[in-house]
Amino acid sequence: MEDSNNRRTWEEEIYWQNFHFANFFLTLPTNFHHHLTLPKKFTEYMKSKLPEQIVLKVNRVSWNVNLKKEEDDIMFHGDGWEEFVKAYSLKKADILVFKYNRRESFEVLLFDRASLCEQEASYFVRKVQQNSDDDKEDHDRSEKTRKDLTGDKSQEDYDSESSAPRNRRKKNPASTPKSNSGRTARAKEDLDDEDESDESSDEEDSISEEAKTTPNKTATAIARESPPSSSRKRKRNGDKKITGNESSFSLHQMCYRSNRREITEEEKANALTKAKMASVQFKDSFIVVMRPTCVYKRFYLTIPSDWKPRIRYRKGQQVCLIVKEKTWDCRVSFSRNNIGFQGAGWKKFARENLLEEFDVCVFVPCGAKNERSILDVSIFRVVPEAVPPTLVTP
């Protein structure tokens, strides 16, 4: 019995913290016309994450409904809910099935109380000015997301920045015009990303298959297999700097030492199992097991070659990674047949999320804004207690 309870606990943790949807149903009570209270368990897990207004969607017809939050309850209420009730002629004991997608909307299926079958009429309800309302809503959300994720910067700005490194490498530093000295910090970071992606093409190629399999090599083993040419490349490019407390080192010179306690094979397997369970819920998701070169040195991550959506990426494209509403920008890196993330952007993501070797990340596509792909990331740690690593002086 104790094992069953423990298993139920971690399964619930995965479901509520990492799944991108939650399902529940409600049988309409007597007083549903003016408000409808959501299930206690849903409220317990989602109360702090729900906005003041959500969207109920029935067969692509959207209804804006207010949420009322009390101490222990959340309920649909207000004019929007009453309009929804009238539009579908809902009656006491009708059954409503809700799918909350964590994007401020609920998909709703309506079932008749007598027949227990879906209400046929729900497919023929239309809302006045539905198209114009949806267009405005989509525009507003698109604009908000664009500003939040890009800092109100256009795609042309990113394209021009991604092309800047090539122009700079062709010029003699002595003949570079003074106007180039005014580059922004963001442009310099992008320059490092682009240069570093070219430097380590052999390194990325060597781990493309490892990135999608169960880990079986130690950091020492992988370090021994690193091609000698990579050290020469790093030496030639040792003058490239990064910002922050580590500004005295180039990105390729930096190396971190883990302070995590010793881990077991069982703990590694558990992290991978949980990640796979979460991943199967999403058609286009992919899993990457963290390697030393992802989180301790060099800082690059190879996207599994069997992840088909990766063919849409282009070299230098910006990708936004999201973890619990916080965002990080990474630049896509190409090398031969491999595609991945590399450089200052990925390093910042790995370090700020305290990723360690054998931790597992599940990447779920969440659309795109202004040609910038968005990936929602769930992290499954081998050891739940994250400890910052130590920067080792080269």
Protein backbone atom coordinates (compact mmCIF):
# COMPACT_ATOMS: atom_id res chain seq x y z
CA MET A 1 0.00 0.00 0.00
CA GLU A 2 2.85 2.36 0.85
CA ASP A 3 4.50 1.74 -2.56
CA SER A 4 1.19 2.46 -4.27
CA ASN A 5 0.84 5.77 -2.45
CA ASN A 6 4.42 6.78 -3.32
CA ARG A 7 3.85 5.91 -6.97
CA ARG A 8 0.65 7.94 -7.03
CA THR A 9 2.47 10.91 -5.52
CA TRP A 10 5.18 11.19 -8.17
CA GLU A 11 2.69 10.47 -10.94
CA GLU A 12 0.57 13.36 -9.71
CA GLU A 13 3.66 15.55 -9.55
CA ILE A 14 4.50 14.82 -13.18
CA TYR A 15 0.90 15.36 -14.30
CA TRP A 16 0.26 18.69 -12.59
CA GLN A 17 3.71 20.22 -12.97
CA ASN A 18 4.78 19.04 -16.42
CA PHE A 19 1.76 18.05 -18.51
CA HIS A 20 0.51 20.91 -20.65
CA PHE A 21 -3.15 20.13 -20.07
CA ALA A 22 -5.54 19.00 -17.34
CA ASN A 23 -8.92 17.29 -17.83
CA PHE A 24 -11.96 17.24 -15.58
CA PHE A 25 -15.75 17.06 -15.85
CA LEU A 26 -18.59 18.69 -13.95
CA THR A 27 -22.24 17.80 -13.55
CA LEU A 28 -24.20 21.04 -13.48
CA PRO A 29 -25.72 21.70 -10.03
CA THR A 30 -28.92 23.61 -9.24
CA ASN A 31 -27.33 27.05 -9.04
CA PHE A 32 -25.10 26.81 -12.14
CA HIS A 33 -26.81 29.66 -14.06
CA HIS A 34 -24.82 32.40 -12.32
CA HIS A 35 -21.62 30.58 -11.38
CA LEU A 36 -19.96 27.18 -11.58
CA THR A 37 -17.35 26.04 -9.05
CA LEU A 38 -14.32 24.14 -10.37
CA PRO A 39 -13.12 20.86 -8.78
CA LYS A 40 -11.17 21.13 -5.53
CA LYS A 41 -8.12 19.25 -6.77
CA PHE A 42 -7.86 21.36 -9.93
CA THR A 43 -8.16 24.48 -7.78
CA GLU A 44 -5.46 23.28 -5.40
CA TYR A 45 -2.89 22.85 -8.16
CA MET A 46 -3.86 25.61 -10.59
CA LYS A 47 -5.26 28.50 -8.54
CA SER A 48 -2.06 30.55 -8.56
CA LYS A 49 -1.55 30.04 -12.30
CA LEU A 50 -5.01 30.96 -13.57
CA PRO A 51 -5.68 34.49 -14.89
CA GLU A 52 -8.68 36.65 -14.03
CA GLN A 53 -10.32 35.87 -17.38
CA ILE A 54 -10.20 32.71 -19.47
CA VAL A 55 -11.68 31.48 -22.75
CA LEU A 56 -14.16 28.61 -23.08
CA LYS A 57 -14.02 27.01 -26.53
CA VAL A 58 -16.79 24.81 -27.90
CA ASN A 59 -16.16 23.62 -31.46
CA ARG A 60 -13.99 26.66 -32.28
CA VAL A 61 -16.49 29.13 -30.85
CA SER A 62 -14.84 31.18 -28.09
CA TRP A 63 -16.45 32.72 -25.02
CA ASN A 64 -14.66 35.09 -22.65
CA VAL A 65 -15.53 34.18 -19.06
CA ASN A 66 -14.39 35.74 -15.79
CA LEU A 67 -12.89 33.68 -12.98
CA LYS A 68 -13.78 34.47 -9.38
CA LYS A 69 -11.16 33.35 -6.87
CA GLU A 70 -12.15 32.82 -3.27
CA GLU A 71 -10.10 31.38 -0.43
CA ASP A 72 -10.65 27.73 -1.34
CA ASP A 73 -12.62 27.93 -4.58
CA ILE A 74 -12.43 29.10 -8.18
CA MET A 75 -15.59 29.57 -10.22
CA PHE A 76 -16.81 30.70 -13.61
CA HIS A 77 -19.09 33.70 -13.13
CA GLY A 78 -20.31 36.97 -14.58
CA ASP A 79 -21.96 37.99 -17.83
CA GLY A 80 -19.66 35.81 -19.93
CA TRP A 81 -20.66 32.64 -18.07
CA GLU A 82 -24.36 33.51 -18.17
CA GLU A 83 -24.13 34.15 -21.91
CA PHE A 84 -22.41 30.78 -22.35
CA VAL A 85 -25.16 29.00 -20.40
CA LYS A 86 -27.93 30.60 -22.47
CA ALA A 87 -26.23 30.00 -25.82
CA TYR A 88 -26.08 26.24 -25.27
CA SER A 89 -29.39 25.93 -23.36
CA LEU A 90 -27.68 24.15 -20.50
CA LYS A 91 -29.81 22.37 -17.91
CA LYS A 92 -29.31 20.97 -14.45
CA ALA A 93 -27.41 17.64 -14.47
CA ASP A 94 -25.93 18.22 -17.93
CA ILE A 95 -22.30 17.05 -18.08
CA LEU A 96 -19.48 19.32 -19.19
CA VAL A 97 -16.01 17.93 -19.94
CA PHE A 98 -13.19 20.48 -19.71
CA LYS A 99 -9.67 20.29 -21.11
CA TYR A 100 -7.48 23.08 -19.74
CA ASN A 101 -4.46 23.62 -22.00
CA ARG A 102 -2.55 26.00 -19.68
CA ARG A 103 -2.82 28.73 -22.30
CA GLU A 104 -5.71 30.56 -20.63
CA SER A 105 -8.38 28.50 -22.41
CA PHE A 106 -10.62 25.50 -21.77
CA GLU A 107 -11.90 23.25 -24.53
CA VAL A 108 -15.40 22.11 -23.57
CA LEU A 109 -17.55 19.15 -24.61
CA LEU A 110 -21.26 19.22 -23.70
CA PHE A 111 -23.23 16.07 -22.88
CA ASP A 112 -26.98 15.73 -22.45
CA ARG A 113 -28.15 14.64 -19.00
CA ALA A 114 -30.78 12.19 -20.29
CA SER A 115 -29.02 10.43 -23.17
CA LEU A 116 -25.47 10.82 -21.81
CA CYS A 117 -24.44 11.58 -25.39
CA GLU A 118 -22.84 14.70 -26.76
CA GLN A 119 -25.21 17.55 -27.53
CA GLU A 120 -25.59 17.68 -31.29
CA ALA A 121 -26.80 21.28 -31.17
CA SER A 122 -23.48 22.42 -29.70
CA TYR A 123 -21.92 22.08 -33.16
CA PHE A 124 -24.35 24.59 -34.64
CA VAL A 125 -24.13 27.43 -32.13
CA ARG A 126 -22.60 30.54 -33.63
CA LYS A 127 -21.60 33.75 -31.91
CA VAL A 128 -22.36 37.14 -33.43
CA GLN A 129 -19.18 38.82 -34.75
CA GLN A 130 -17.24 35.70 -33.82
CA ASN A 131 -14.67 36.16 -36.57
CA SER A 132 -13.89 39.77 -35.79
CA ASP A 133 -13.66 39.05 -32.07
CA ASP A 134 -11.30 36.14 -32.65
CA ASP A 135 -9.14 38.19 -34.99
CA LYS A 136 -8.81 40.95 -32.40
CA GLU A 137 -8.06 38.43 -29.65
CA ASP A 138 -5.43 36.67 -31.76
CA HIS A 139 -3.85 40.00 -32.72
CA ASP A 140 -3.70 41.18 -29.11
CA ARG A 141 -2.15 37.93 -27.91
CA SER A 142 0.31 37.87 -30.79
CA GLU A 143 1.40 41.44 -30.08
CA LYS A 144 1.77 40.76 -26.33
CA THR A 145 3.79 37.60 -26.94
CA ARG A 146 5.96 39.37 -29.51
CA LYS A 147 6.82 42.15 -27.09
CA ASP A 148 7.38 39.77 -24.19
CA LEU A 149 9.62 37.40 -26.10
CA THR A 150 11.47 39.70 -28.47
CA GLY A 151 11.62 43.01 -26.62
CA ASP A 152 9.59 44.60 -29.41
CA LYS A 153 12.37 43.82 -31.87
CA SER A 154 11.52 42.88 -35.46
CA GLN A 155 12.67 39.71 -37.23
CA GLU A 156 14.69 41.87 -39.64
CA ASP A 157 16.78 43.05 -36.68
CA TYR A 158 17.62 39.48 -35.75
CA ASP A 159 18.39 38.52 -39.32
CA SER A 160 20.79 41.45 -39.71
CA GLU A 161 22.48 40.56 -36.44
CA SER A 162 22.87 36.91 -37.40
CA SER A 163 24.58 37.93 -40.65
CA ALA A 164 26.94 40.39 -38.93
CA PRO A 165 29.52 37.79 -37.82
CA ARG A 166 30.27 36.69 -41.37
CA ASN A 167 30.95 40.26 -42.48
CA ARG A 168 33.18 40.84 -39.47
CA ARG A 169 35.31 37.75 -40.00
CA LYS A 170 36.15 38.86 -43.54
CA LYS A 171 37.56 42.21 -42.40
CA ASN A 172 40.99 43.02 -41.08
CA PRO A 173 40.58 44.36 -37.52
CA ALA A 174 42.99 47.18 -38.31
CA SER A 175 40.79 48.43 -41.13
CA THR A 176 37.46 48.10 -39.31
CA PRO A 177 35.58 51.45 -39.36
CA LYS A 178 35.10 53.22 -36.03
CA SER A 179 31.36 52.89 -36.41
CA ASN A 180 31.67 49.19 -35.60
CA SER A 181 32.82 50.04 -32.09
CA GLY A 182 29.25 50.93 -31.22
CA ARG A 183 27.91 47.41 -31.46
CA THR A 184 25.39 46.58 -28.79
CA ALA A 185 25.99 43.91 -26.15
CA ARG A 186 23.32 41.79 -27.80
CA ALA A 187 25.07 41.89 -31.16
CA LYS A 188 28.35 40.83 -29.50
CA GLU A 189 26.62 37.90 -27.84
CA ASP A 190 25.11 36.85 -31.16
CA LEU A 191 28.57 37.12 -32.75
CA ASP A 192 29.98 34.71 -30.19
CA ASP A 193 27.11 32.30 -30.79
CA GLU A 194 27.68 32.31 -34.55
CA ASP A 195 31.45 31.95 -34.38
CA GLU A 196 31.29 29.17 -31.81
CA SER A 197 28.84 27.19 -33.92
CA ASP A 198 31.41 27.08 -36.72
CA GLU A 199 34.26 26.19 -34.37
CA SER A 200 32.74 23.02 -32.95
CA SER A 201 31.16 21.38 -35.98
CA ASP A 202 33.18 18.23 -35.41
CA GLU A 203 32.26 18.18 -31.73
CA GLU A 204 28.53 18.42 -32.41
CA ASP A 205 28.73 15.72 -35.07
CA SER A 206 30.37 13.34 -32.63
CA ILE A 207 27.43 13.33 -30.17
CA SER A 208 24.38 13.53 -32.40
CA GLU A 209 23.35 9.98 -31.65
CA GLU A 210 24.34 10.13 -27.96
CA ALA A 211 21.95 12.98 -27.28
CA LYS A 212 18.88 10.81 -27.74
CA THR A 213 19.89 7.64 -25.90
CA THR A 214 20.14 6.56 -22.29
CA PRO A 215 23.37 7.92 -20.77
CA ASN A 216 26.16 5.37 -20.36
CA LYS A 217 29.37 7.42 -20.48
CA THR A 218 31.02 9.47 -17.80
CA ALA A 219 32.30 13.00 -18.16
CA THR A 220 35.88 11.69 -18.19
CA ALA A 221 35.17 9.26 -21.02
CA ILE A 222 33.58 11.89 -23.19
CA ALA A 223 36.40 14.33 -22.51
CA ARG A 224 38.95 11.76 -23.69
CA GLU A 225 37.05 11.32 -26.95
CA SER A 226 37.10 15.03 -27.78
CA PRO A 227 39.01 15.62 -31.04
CA PRO A 228 42.42 17.27 -30.54
CA SER A 229 41.57 19.88 -33.15
CA SER A 230 38.95 21.37 -30.86
CA SER A 231 41.59 22.54 -28.40
CA ARG A 232 43.53 24.23 -31.19
CA LYS A 233 40.39 25.99 -32.35
CA ARG A 234 39.69 27.21 -28.86
CA LYS A 235 43.25 28.51 -28.57
CA ARG A 236 42.98 30.48 -31.78
CA ASN A 237 39.71 31.98 -30.66
CA GLY A 238 40.70 32.55 -27.05
CA ASP A 239 40.27 36.31 -27.38
CA LYS A 240 36.49 36.05 -27.53
CA LYS A 241 35.02 37.11 -24.19
CA ILE A 242 31.70 36.72 -22.44
CA THR A 243 29.94 39.04 -20.05
CA GLY A 244 29.39 38.64 -16.30
CA ASN A 245 31.61 37.41 -13.49
CA GLU A 246 33.35 34.99 -15.86
CA SER A 247 34.41 37.76 -18.29
CA SER A 248 38.10 36.81 -17.99
CA PHE A 249 37.47 33.52 -19.79
CA SER A 250 36.31 32.75 -23.31
CA LEU A 251 33.26 30.50 -23.62
CA HIS A 252 35.34 27.52 -24.74
CA GLN A 253 37.82 27.95 -21.88
CA MET A 254 35.12 27.83 -19.23
CA CYS A 255 34.59 24.59 -17.34
CA TYR A 256 32.39 23.84 -14.34
CA ARG A 257 32.75 21.19 -11.65
CA SER A 258 29.59 19.63 -10.27
CA ASN A 259 28.89 19.91 -6.54
CA ARG A 260 26.04 17.42 -6.70
CA ARG A 261 26.25 14.37 -4.48
CA GLU A 262 27.02 10.99 -6.01
CA ILE A 263 24.10 9.60 -7.96
CA THR A 264 22.94 6.04 -8.61
CA GLU A 265 21.98 4.26 -11.80
CA GLU A 266 18.46 3.94 -10.41
CA GLU A 267 18.18 7.71 -10.00
CA LYS A 268 19.35 8.26 -13.58
CA ALA A 269 16.83 5.72 -14.86
CA ASN A 270 14.00 7.29 -12.84
CA ALA A 271 14.65 10.74 -14.33
CA LEU A 272 14.62 9.33 -17.85
CA THR A 273 11.45 7.30 -17.20
CA LYS A 274 9.57 10.33 -15.89
CA ALA A 275 10.67 12.39 -18.88
CA LYS A 276 9.50 9.72 -21.33
CA MET A 277 6.12 9.50 -19.60
CA ALA A 278 5.66 13.24 -19.99
CA SER A 279 6.96 13.27 -23.56
CA VAL A 280 4.50 10.71 -24.94
CA GLN A 281 1.65 13.15 -24.34
CA PHE A 282 2.95 15.41 -27.11
CA LYS A 283 3.34 14.34 -30.71
CA ASP A 284 6.24 16.61 -31.62
CA SER A 285 8.21 16.65 -28.36
CA PHE A 286 11.79 15.45 -28.03
CA ILE A 287 14.02 14.38 -25.14
CA VAL A 288 17.68 15.19 -24.52
CA VAL A 289 19.76 13.69 -21.71
CA MET A 290 22.28 16.27 -20.53
CA ARG A 291 25.94 15.52 -21.27
CA PRO A 292 29.02 17.24 -19.83
CA THR A 293 29.33 19.22 -23.06
CA CYS A 294 25.77 20.48 -22.56
CA VAL A 295 26.16 21.75 -19.02
CA TYR A 296 29.82 21.86 -17.85
CA LYS A 297 31.95 22.85 -20.86
CA ARG A 298 31.65 24.02 -24.49
CA PHE A 299 27.91 24.38 -23.96
CA TYR A 300 26.16 22.93 -26.96
CA LEU A 301 23.11 20.71 -27.27
CA THR A 302 22.34 18.57 -30.31
CA ILE A 303 18.69 18.09 -31.31
CA PRO A 304 17.96 14.38 -32.02
CA SER A 305 18.16 13.64 -35.74
CA ASP A 306 14.81 11.82 -35.72
CA TRP A 307 12.92 14.93 -34.54
CA LYS A 308 11.28 15.85 -37.85
CA PRO A 309 10.28 19.49 -37.09
CA ARG A 310 13.96 20.40 -36.85
CA ILE A 311 14.12 20.65 -40.65
CA ARG A 312 12.24 23.96 -40.34
CA TYR A 313 15.13 25.56 -38.46
CA ARG A 314 17.71 27.64 -40.27
CA LYS A 315 21.21 28.56 -39.18
CA GLY A 316 21.28 31.55 -36.87
CA GLN A 317 17.53 31.43 -36.17
CA GLN A 318 16.44 32.56 -32.71
CA VAL A 319 14.57 30.00 -30.58
CA CYS A 320 12.86 30.91 -27.32
CA LEU A 321 13.03 28.35 -24.50
CA ILE A 322 10.39 28.63 -21.77
CA VAL A 323 10.50 27.15 -18.27
CA LYS A 324 7.56 28.09 -16.07
CA GLU A 325 6.94 31.38 -17.90
CA LYS A 326 10.60 32.50 -17.79
CA THR A 327 12.28 32.76 -21.19
CA TRP A 328 15.77 32.35 -22.67
CA ASP A 329 16.89 33.08 -26.24
CA CYS A 330 19.13 30.57 -28.00
CA ARG A 331 20.56 30.60 -31.50
CA VAL A 332 20.29 27.59 -33.82
CA SER A 333 23.66 26.12 -34.81
CA PHE A 334 24.33 23.91 -37.83
CA SER A 335 27.25 21.53 -38.39
CA ARG A 336 27.17 19.05 -41.24
CA ASN A 337 24.00 17.02 -40.60
CA ASN A 338 23.52 18.17 -37.01
CA ILE A 339 21.31 20.93 -35.63
CA GLY A 340 21.29 22.24 -32.09
CA PHE A 341 21.79 25.13 -29.68
CA GLN A 342 25.20 26.54 -28.82
CA GLY A 343 26.98 29.50 -27.32
CA ALA A 344 26.10 32.15 -24.78
CA GLY A 345 22.31 31.68 -25.07
CA TRP A 346 22.31 27.95 -24.35
CA LYS A 347 25.00 28.38 -21.66
CA LYS A 348 22.82 30.94 -19.87
CA PHE A 349 19.84 28.56 -20.00
CA ALA A 350 21.86 25.63 -18.66
CA ARG A 351 23.50 27.60 -15.86
CA GLU A 352 20.44 29.54 -14.68
CA ASN A 353 18.42 26.31 -14.53
CA LEU A 354 21.31 24.54 -12.73
CA LEU A 355 21.31 21.65 -15.19
CA GLU A 356 23.59 18.71 -14.41
CA GLU A 357 24.85 15.68 -16.31
CA PHE A 358 22.12 13.02 -16.73
CA ASP A 359 19.29 15.48 -16.03
CA VAL A 360 16.66 15.12 -18.76
CA CYS A 361 14.90 17.90 -20.66
CA VAL A 362 11.65 17.49 -22.57
CA PHE A 363 11.18 20.07 -25.33
CA VAL A 364 7.62 20.74 -26.54
CA PRO A 365 6.93 23.04 -29.54
CA CYS A 366 4.49 25.85 -28.67
CA GLY A 367 4.21 27.57 -32.04
CA ALA A 368 6.15 30.54 -33.32
CA LYS A 369 5.99 34.33 -33.22
CA ASN A 370 7.63 36.45 -35.91
CA GLU A 371 9.45 33.37 -37.24
CA ARG A 372 10.89 32.67 -33.77
CA SER A 373 10.20 29.12 -32.68
CA ILE A 374 9.03 28.65 -29.08
CA LEU A 375 9.85 25.51 -27.09
CA ASP A 376 8.39 24.78 -23.66
CA VAL A 377 10.96 22.89 -21.57
CA SER A 378 10.30 20.52 -18.66
CA ILE A 379 13.31 19.52 -16.56
CA PHE A 380 13.55 16.14 -14.84
CA ARG A 381 16.45 16.18 -12.40
CA VAL A 382 18.35 13.15 -11.23
CA VAL A 383 18.60 14.82 -7.82
CA PRO A 384 15.69 17.14 -6.93
CA GLU A 385 17.90 19.47 -4.87
CA ALA A 386 19.81 21.59 -7.39
CA VAL A 387 23.26 22.80 -6.28
CA PRO A 388 25.18 25.44 -8.28
CA PRO A 389 28.41 24.08 -9.82
CA THR A 390 31.83 25.67 -9.35
CA LEU A 391 33.66 27.52 -12.13
CA VAL A 392 37.09 25.94 -12.58
CA THR A 393 39.98 28.22 -13.59
CA PRO A 394 41.54 26.97 -16.85
